[in-house]
């Protein structure tokens, strides 16, 4: 079933837009990923994907570690009882103050990809463990992360030595193949490059690395076929053995995979019109209120409730704000009789939706309900 339980009943009394989440699915996804690696993996959940407290609580209970990108995420986890030694400060563009506070709080592991970042960590988190992020192409991913992050293999080897010179403990290498990656082969290519850093660091500088962070990229089902978790894990493990060796701790940073299918975004049609020969549909959420990834044409599976079997035609789909950027899709198939008040549902929208939502134009971001909260609201409405 594409829709979570009680969603149909809720559409009559819960104001849109809203995101309904299922924390139990996160537990299921976490356990499946552990099993895919036969338990031989360190999972650092990428908090930036969705920092809802119910997701974080469930993952904390499961024993997950966490990839954090800011001091705000660190403090949120600490308030939930997560030990700082289970956090990896994976952002390679950190403010000096944030490094200082993170270190003071007990964070021990930091990502770097430049001399200046190493110097910063050495100054404000002396003696800490660091891993160097290398560049990847981002090929066959819906949201490439190359360019802004990561460095070349040769430079990474030099950075390993520089980190040791500055009194830090270089422990390994990381990469990210790009969010929503469709080809497991891309992990192998990145691991092969990482293996060069491992080997050259040992050969040139006698520095033995033992930590490989394989980043995120794990896909969620939308409109294209995706590889399964077990296939990607198998490629990672086989590639590590082939290019690096067995004495390496494998880590991964799932974000979208962990929470993507644990959320469903519901919106309503507020207007249908024709402009310059094109049919337009406007809904009460958009680029500024949860669908920011669509600016790069990230494609969600969309259903219009009660009209799943109606023939479709091309529309331009847009959000409610008075900003021309707020166009979700220039062209998308929707039921030809879509009308004001219809509920437009974005399937598997638990990742990178609510985290991006703003109050632009004074419009509230989507409300968030767990399935349990939805159940309570349903019971209240039923007896009202």
Protein backbone atom coordinates (compact mmCIF):
# COMPACT_ATOMS: atom_id res chain seq x y z
CA UNK A 1 0.00 0.00 0.00
CA UNK A 2 1.43 3.37 -1.01
CA UNK A 3 -0.49 5.33 1.61
CA UNK A 4 0.11 4.89 5.35
CA UNK A 5 -2.73 3.64 7.56
CA UNK A 6 -5.44 6.18 8.44
CA UNK A 7 -4.30 8.64 5.78
CA UNK A 8 -7.54 8.31 3.82
CA UNK A 9 -9.65 9.00 6.91
CA UNK A 10 -7.43 11.93 7.89
CA UNK A 11 -7.84 13.82 4.64
CA UNK A 12 -11.24 15.12 5.73
CA UNK A 13 -10.13 16.77 8.96
CA UNK A 14 -6.34 17.40 8.92
CA UNK A 15 -5.44 20.69 7.30
CA UNK A 16 -2.89 20.49 4.50
CA UNK A 17 -0.04 20.60 3.89
CA UNK A 18 1.22 17.97 6.29
CA UNK A 19 3.80 15.21 6.47
CA UNK A 20 2.84 11.96 8.14
CA UNK A 21 5.78 9.88 9.38
CA UNK A 22 6.20 6.28 10.49
CA UNK A 23 9.11 5.88 12.95
CA UNK A 24 8.76 2.08 12.83
CA UNK A 25 9.84 2.11 9.19
CA UNK A 26 13.09 3.78 10.20
CA UNK A 27 13.81 0.92 12.59
CA UNK A 28 13.06 -1.58 9.82
CA UNK A 29 15.39 0.24 7.42
CA UNK A 30 18.16 0.46 9.99
CA UNK A 31 18.02 -3.25 10.78
CA UNK A 32 17.94 -4.19 7.11
CA UNK A 33 21.07 -2.15 6.45
CA UNK A 34 22.87 -3.76 9.39
CA UNK A 35 21.92 -7.21 8.14
CA UNK A 36 23.06 -6.39 4.60
CA UNK A 37 26.57 -5.87 5.99
CA UNK A 38 26.31 -8.90 8.30
CA UNK A 39 26.63 -6.45 11.18
CA UNK A 40 30.10 -5.33 10.07
CA UNK A 41 29.33 -1.66 9.56
CA UNK A 42 29.19 1.58 11.50
CA UNK A 43 25.99 3.42 10.63
CA UNK A 44 26.06 7.20 11.01
CA UNK A 45 22.55 8.42 10.28
CA UNK A 46 22.72 11.71 8.33
CA UNK A 47 20.64 13.92 10.63
CA UNK A 48 20.19 16.55 7.92
CA UNK A 49 17.82 14.22 6.03
CA UNK A 50 15.17 14.54 8.72
CA UNK A 51 15.87 15.55 12.31
CA UNK A 52 12.43 14.76 13.72
CA UNK A 53 12.87 13.69 17.33
CA UNK A 54 10.89 10.46 16.89
CA UNK A 55 13.27 9.32 14.16
CA UNK A 56 16.29 10.25 16.26
CA UNK A 57 14.90 8.52 19.36
CA UNK A 58 14.25 5.29 17.48
CA UNK A 59 17.72 5.26 15.91
CA UNK A 60 19.34 6.04 19.25
CA UNK A 61 17.56 3.05 20.80
CA UNK A 62 18.81 0.87 17.94
CA UNK A 63 22.40 1.89 18.68
CA UNK A 64 22.95 4.02 15.58
CA UNK A 65 25.67 6.63 15.39
CA UNK A 66 25.00 10.00 13.77
CA UNK A 67 26.53 12.14 11.03
CA UNK A 68 26.11 15.77 12.08
CA UNK A 69 26.55 18.89 9.98
CA UNK A 70 26.20 21.64 12.57
CA UNK A 71 26.36 22.53 16.21
CA UNK A 72 22.57 22.72 16.22
CA UNK A 73 22.30 19.06 15.27
CA UNK A 74 24.86 18.12 17.91
CA UNK A 75 22.96 19.91 20.67
CA UNK A 76 19.67 18.36 19.57
CA UNK A 77 21.16 14.87 19.81
CA UNK A 78 22.74 15.58 23.20
CA UNK A 79 19.37 16.68 24.55
CA UNK A 80 18.01 13.30 23.44
CA UNK A 81 20.75 11.49 25.35
CA UNK A 82 23.03 10.60 22.43
CA UNK A 83 26.65 10.31 23.50
CA UNK A 84 28.94 12.72 21.57
CA UNK A 85 31.39 9.88 20.87
CA UNK A 86 28.69 8.43 18.59
CA UNK A 87 28.74 11.52 16.40
CA UNK A 88 30.83 12.30 13.34
CA UNK A 89 31.13 15.98 12.42
CA UNK A 90 30.92 15.30 8.70
CA UNK A 91 30.62 18.85 7.36
CA UNK A 92 33.97 19.95 5.91
CA UNK A 93 33.03 23.63 6.24
CA UNK A 94 32.81 24.18 9.98
CA UNK A 95 32.90 27.41 11.97
CA UNK A 96 35.79 27.56 14.43
CA UNK A 97 33.39 28.14 17.31
CA UNK A 98 31.39 25.04 16.38
CA UNK A 99 34.52 22.89 16.30
CA UNK A 100 35.49 24.27 19.70
CA UNK A 101 32.09 23.59 21.28
CA UNK A 102 31.76 20.16 19.64
CA UNK A 103 35.17 19.15 20.98
CA UNK A 104 34.30 20.47 24.43
CA UNK A 105 31.07 18.47 24.38
CA UNK A 106 33.00 15.28 23.52
CA UNK A 107 32.82 14.89 19.73
CA UNK A 108 35.96 13.01 18.68
CA UNK A 109 35.65 12.53 14.90
CA UNK A 110 35.85 15.26 12.24
CA UNK A 111 35.79 15.32 8.42
CA UNK A 112 38.31 17.49 6.54
CA UNK A 113 39.23 18.17 2.92
CA UNK A 114 41.64 21.13 3.09
CA UNK A 115 44.69 22.38 4.99
CA UNK A 116 42.75 25.24 6.52
CA UNK A 117 40.10 22.90 7.91
CA UNK A 118 42.80 20.67 9.36
CA UNK A 119 44.46 23.69 10.97
CA UNK A 120 41.10 24.72 12.43
CA UNK A 121 40.45 21.29 13.92
CA UNK A 122 44.02 21.11 15.24
CA UNK A 123 43.57 24.46 16.96
CA UNK A 124 40.13 23.94 18.49
CA UNK A 125 39.94 20.13 18.79
CA UNK A 126 43.56 19.11 19.41
CA UNK A 127 44.40 15.43 19.11
CA UNK A 128 41.07 14.57 17.47
CA UNK A 129 40.50 11.86 14.88
CA UNK A 130 40.02 13.10 11.32
CA UNK A 131 39.15 11.51 8.01
CA UNK A 132 39.76 13.07 4.60
CA UNK A 133 36.94 13.41 2.11
CA UNK A 134 37.78 12.71 -1.53
CA UNK A 135 35.97 13.95 -4.61
CA UNK A 136 33.61 11.76 -6.63
CA UNK A 137 31.92 12.42 -9.96
CA UNK A 138 28.37 12.16 -8.64
CA UNK A 139 27.39 10.29 -11.82
CA UNK A 140 24.01 8.55 -11.88
CA UNK A 141 22.74 10.40 -8.82
CA UNK A 142 19.74 12.72 -8.64
CA UNK A 143 21.53 15.15 -6.33
CA UNK A 144 25.30 15.25 -7.06
CA UNK A 145 27.52 16.48 -4.25
CA UNK A 146 30.73 16.95 -6.22
CA UNK A 147 32.47 20.28 -6.59
CA UNK A 148 31.68 21.84 -3.23
CA UNK A 149 33.12 18.96 -1.20
CA UNK A 150 36.05 16.58 -1.41
CA UNK A 151 39.55 16.77 -2.82
CA UNK A 152 41.72 14.83 -5.24
CA UNK A 153 43.33 11.54 -4.34
CA UNK A 154 46.86 12.98 -4.45
CA UNK A 155 45.91 15.94 -2.29
CA UNK A 156 44.11 13.65 0.16
CA UNK A 157 47.35 11.72 0.70
CA UNK A 158 49.12 15.00 1.50
CA UNK A 159 46.34 16.01 3.86
CA UNK A 160 46.72 12.77 5.80
CA UNK A 161 50.35 13.68 6.44
CA UNK A 162 49.48 17.29 7.23
CA UNK A 163 46.89 16.18 9.79
CA UNK A 164 49.47 14.06 11.57
CA UNK A 165 51.97 16.94 11.46
CA UNK A 166 49.37 19.19 13.13
CA UNK A 167 48.96 16.73 15.98
CA UNK A 168 45.73 15.10 14.83
CA UNK A 169 45.00 11.41 14.34
CA UNK A 170 44.28 10.69 10.66
CA UNK A 171 42.16 7.55 10.68
CA UNK A 172 40.73 7.21 7.20
CA UNK A 173 38.94 8.43 4.11
CA UNK A 174 35.37 9.31 3.16
CA UNK A 175 33.42 10.01 0.00
CA UNK A 176 29.84 10.54 -1.18
CA UNK A 177 28.66 9.16 -4.54
CA UNK A 178 25.78 11.64 -4.72
CA UNK A 179 22.35 11.49 -3.14
CA UNK A 180 19.88 9.00 -4.66
CA UNK A 181 22.50 7.10 -6.64
CA UNK A 182 21.22 4.39 -8.97
CA UNK A 183 24.36 2.40 -9.73
CA UNK A 184 26.29 0.34 -7.13
CA UNK A 185 29.31 0.48 -9.46
CA UNK A 186 29.86 4.06 -8.35
CA UNK A 187 30.69 2.90 -4.84
CA UNK A 188 33.32 0.57 -6.27
CA UNK A 189 34.91 3.40 -8.27
CA UNK A 190 35.08 5.59 -5.17
CA UNK A 191 36.49 2.79 -3.01
CA UNK A 192 39.19 2.15 -5.59
CA UNK A 193 40.22 5.81 -5.28
CA UNK A 194 40.08 5.61 -1.50
CA UNK A 195 42.32 2.55 -1.66
CA UNK A 196 45.00 4.64 -3.36
CA UNK A 197 44.95 7.05 -0.40
CA UNK A 198 45.21 4.15 2.05
CA UNK A 199 48.11 2.59 0.18
CA UNK A 200 50.02 5.80 -0.55
CA UNK A 201 49.67 7.08 3.02
CA UNK A 202 51.26 3.87 4.24
CA UNK A 203 53.91 3.83 1.52
CA UNK A 204 54.99 7.48 1.65
CA UNK A 205 54.38 8.43 5.25
CA UNK A 206 54.01 5.12 7.13
CA UNK A 207 50.54 6.16 8.24
CA UNK A 208 48.14 3.24 8.58
CA UNK A 209 44.50 4.15 7.99
CA UNK A 210 41.75 1.83 9.17
CA UNK A 211 38.46 3.72 8.66
CA UNK A 212 36.47 4.02 5.42
CA UNK A 213 33.33 6.16 5.43
CA UNK A 214 31.37 5.26 2.29
CA UNK A 215 28.96 8.18 2.74
CA UNK A 216 25.33 8.24 1.67
CA UNK A 217 23.71 7.86 -1.70
CA UNK A 218 21.46 4.96 -0.76
CA UNK A 219 18.34 5.42 -2.91
CA UNK A 220 14.62 5.38 -2.15
CA UNK A 221 11.98 4.25 -4.64
CA UNK A 222 10.42 7.12 -6.57
CA UNK A 223 9.89 6.99 -10.34
CA UNK A 224 12.98 5.03 -11.42
CA UNK A 225 14.09 1.47 -10.60
CA UNK A 226 16.65 1.35 -7.77
CA UNK A 227 19.22 -1.25 -6.69
CA UNK A 228 18.41 -2.98 -3.44
CA UNK A 229 20.29 -2.43 -0.22
CA UNK A 230 21.87 -5.87 -0.26
CA UNK A 231 23.40 -5.35 -3.72
CA UNK A 232 25.02 -2.04 -2.73
CA UNK A 233 26.35 -3.48 0.53
CA UNK A 234 27.80 -6.45 -1.34
CA UNK A 235 29.60 -4.17 -3.80
CA UNK A 236 31.01 -2.11 -0.92
CA UNK A 237 32.28 -5.13 1.01
CA UNK A 238 33.77 -6.81 -2.07
CA UNK A 239 35.44 -3.58 -3.18
CA UNK A 240 36.95 -2.95 0.24
CA UNK A 241 38.49 -6.42 0.22
CA UNK A 242 39.78 -5.93 -3.31
CA UNK A 243 41.24 -2.43 -3.07
CA UNK A 244 42.02 -1.92 0.62
CA UNK A 245 41.99 -5.12 2.63
CA UNK A 246 40.08 -6.69 5.46
CA UNK A 247 41.43 -4.70 8.41
CA UNK A 248 39.21 -1.70 7.74
CA UNK A 249 36.19 -0.44 9.64
CA UNK A 250 33.43 0.29 7.12
CA UNK A 251 31.08 3.15 7.87
CA UNK A 252 28.13 4.56 5.97
CA UNK A 253 25.95 7.67 6.28
CA UNK A 254 22.41 6.81 5.14
CA UNK A 255 19.96 9.68 5.20
CA UNK A 256 17.40 9.46 2.41
CA UNK A 257 17.34 5.65 2.59
CA UNK A 258 16.67 5.67 6.30
CA UNK A 259 13.71 8.06 6.36
CA UNK A 260 12.55 8.53 2.76
CA UNK A 261 9.86 5.86 2.75
CA UNK A 262 8.88 6.74 6.32
CA UNK A 263 7.12 9.95 5.25
CA UNK A 264 4.20 10.95 3.02
CA UNK A 265 3.61 14.59 2.10
CA UNK A 266 0.01 15.66 1.56
CA UNK A 267 -1.06 18.92 -0.10
CA UNK A 268 -4.21 20.40 -1.62
CA UNK A 269 -4.95 22.00 -4.97
CA UNK A 270 -5.72 25.69 -4.54
CA UNK A 271 -5.97 26.70 -8.20
CA UNK A 272 -6.11 25.33 -11.72
CA UNK A 273 -5.63 27.71 -14.63
CA UNK A 274 -4.36 28.10 -18.18
CA UNK A 275 -1.49 30.49 -18.91
CA UNK A 276 0.08 31.10 -22.32
CA UNK A 277 -1.29 27.85 -23.65
CA UNK A 278 -0.12 25.76 -20.66
CA UNK A 279 -2.26 24.08 -18.02
CA UNK A 280 -1.20 24.98 -14.49
CA UNK A 281 -2.01 23.44 -11.11
CA UNK A 282 -1.09 25.25 -7.89
CA UNK A 283 -0.91 23.44 -4.55
CA UNK A 284 -0.49 24.67 -0.98
CA UNK A 285 3.11 23.51 -0.65
CA UNK A 286 6.02 24.09 -2.98
CA UNK A 287 9.71 24.78 -3.41
CA UNK A 288 9.92 26.94 -0.28
CA UNK A 289 7.79 24.67 1.89
CA UNK A 290 9.19 21.17 1.52
CA UNK A 291 9.84 20.50 -2.15
CA UNK A 292 13.11 22.36 -2.59
CA UNK A 293 14.86 19.40 -4.20
CA UNK A 294 12.54 19.69 -7.19
CA UNK A 295 14.46 22.79 -8.33
CA UNK A 296 16.96 20.25 -9.69
CA UNK A 297 14.05 18.24 -11.15
CA UNK A 298 14.18 15.62 -8.39
CA UNK A 299 11.17 13.49 -9.27
CA UNK A 300 8.72 12.23 -6.65
CA UNK A 301 6.00 9.70 -7.33
CA UNK A 302 2.76 11.68 -7.14
CA UNK A 303 -0.80 10.49 -6.67
CA UNK A 304 -4.03 12.49 -6.53
CA UNK A 305 -6.24 10.85 -3.94
CA UNK A 306 -9.33 9.19 -5.38
CA UNK A 307 -8.17 9.81 -8.95
CA UNK A 308 -5.42 7.22 -9.23
CA UNK A 309 -7.12 5.54 -12.21
CA UNK A 310 -8.10 8.70 -14.09
CA UNK A 311 -6.25 9.24 -17.41
CA UNK A 312 -3.48 11.80 -17.10
CA UNK A 313 -2.29 14.82 -19.05
CA UNK A 314 0.60 17.26 -18.82
CA UNK A 315 0.46 20.11 -16.31
CA UNK A 316 2.87 22.63 -14.84
CA UNK A 317 2.82 22.12 -11.07
CA UNK A 318 3.60 25.09 -8.84
CA UNK A 319 3.55 26.16 -5.21
CA UNK A 320 1.50 28.89 -3.53
CA UNK A 321 4.02 31.71 -3.10
CA UNK A 322 4.33 34.90 -5.11
CA UNK A 323 7.76 33.92 -6.42
CA UNK A 324 8.36 32.63 -9.93
CA UNK A 325 11.00 30.21 -8.65
CA UNK A 326 8.23 28.33 -6.88
CA UNK A 327 7.57 25.94 -9.76
CA UNK A 328 7.75 22.31 -8.72
CA UNK A 329 7.70 20.73 -12.18
CA UNK A 330 7.50 22.43 -15.58
CA UNK A 331 5.81 19.31 -16.86
CA UNK A 332 4.24 16.47 -14.92
CA UNK A 333 1.43 13.96 -15.53
CA UNK A 334 -1.64 14.54 -13.35
CA UNK A 335 -5.27 13.39 -13.67
CA UNK A 336 -6.91 15.35 -16.45
CA UNK A 337 -9.86 16.28 -14.20
CA UNK A 338 -7.75 17.49 -11.26
CA UNK A 339 -9.62 20.24 -9.43
CA UNK A 340 -9.53 22.64 -6.51
CA UNK A 341 -9.51 20.80 -3.19
CA UNK A 342 -8.02 17.58 -4.57
CA UNK A 343 -5.35 16.04 -2.35
CA UNK A 344 -1.97 15.73 -4.07
CA UNK A 345 0.21 13.15 -2.34
CA UNK A 346 3.99 12.86 -2.63
CA UNK A 347 5.02 9.27 -1.95
CA UNK A 348 8.19 8.46 0.03
CA UNK A 349 8.80 12.09 0.96
CA UNK A 350 10.28 11.63 4.41
CA UNK A 351 13.75 12.92 3.48
CA UNK A 352 14.84 16.47 2.68
CA UNK A 353 11.31 17.88 2.71
CA UNK A 354 10.41 19.27 6.11
CA UNK A 355 14.08 20.09 6.78
CA UNK A 356 14.09 22.52 3.85
CA UNK A 357 10.71 24.06 4.63
CA UNK A 358 10.63 27.77 5.48
CA UNK A 359 8.10 30.45 6.48
CA UNK A 360 8.54 32.35 3.22
CA UNK A 361 5.62 34.66 2.38
CA UNK A 362 4.34 34.05 5.91
CA UNK A 363 3.18 30.60 4.88
CA UNK A 364 3.57 27.92 7.53
CA UNK A 365 5.65 24.86 6.64
CA UNK A 366 3.88 21.50 6.55
CA UNK A 367 2.77 20.19 9.91
CA UNK A 368 4.29 16.86 10.92
CA UNK A 369 2.31 14.01 12.46
CA UNK A 370 3.39 10.56 13.47
CA UNK A 371 1.00 7.72 12.71
CA UNK A 372 0.18 7.55 16.41
CA UNK A 373 -0.70 11.25 16.48
CA UNK A 374 -2.82 10.80 13.39
CA UNK A 375 -4.64 7.97 15.13
CA UNK A 376 -5.39 10.17 18.14
CA UNK A 377 -6.67 12.98 15.91
CA UNK A 378 -8.84 10.48 14.06
CA UNK A 379 -10.40 9.20 17.26
CA UNK A 380 -11.06 12.75 18.51
CA UNK A 381 -12.65 13.75 15.22
CA UNK A 382 -14.73 10.56 15.09
CA UNK A 383 -16.29 11.23 18.50
CA UNK A 384 -16.70 14.98 18.01
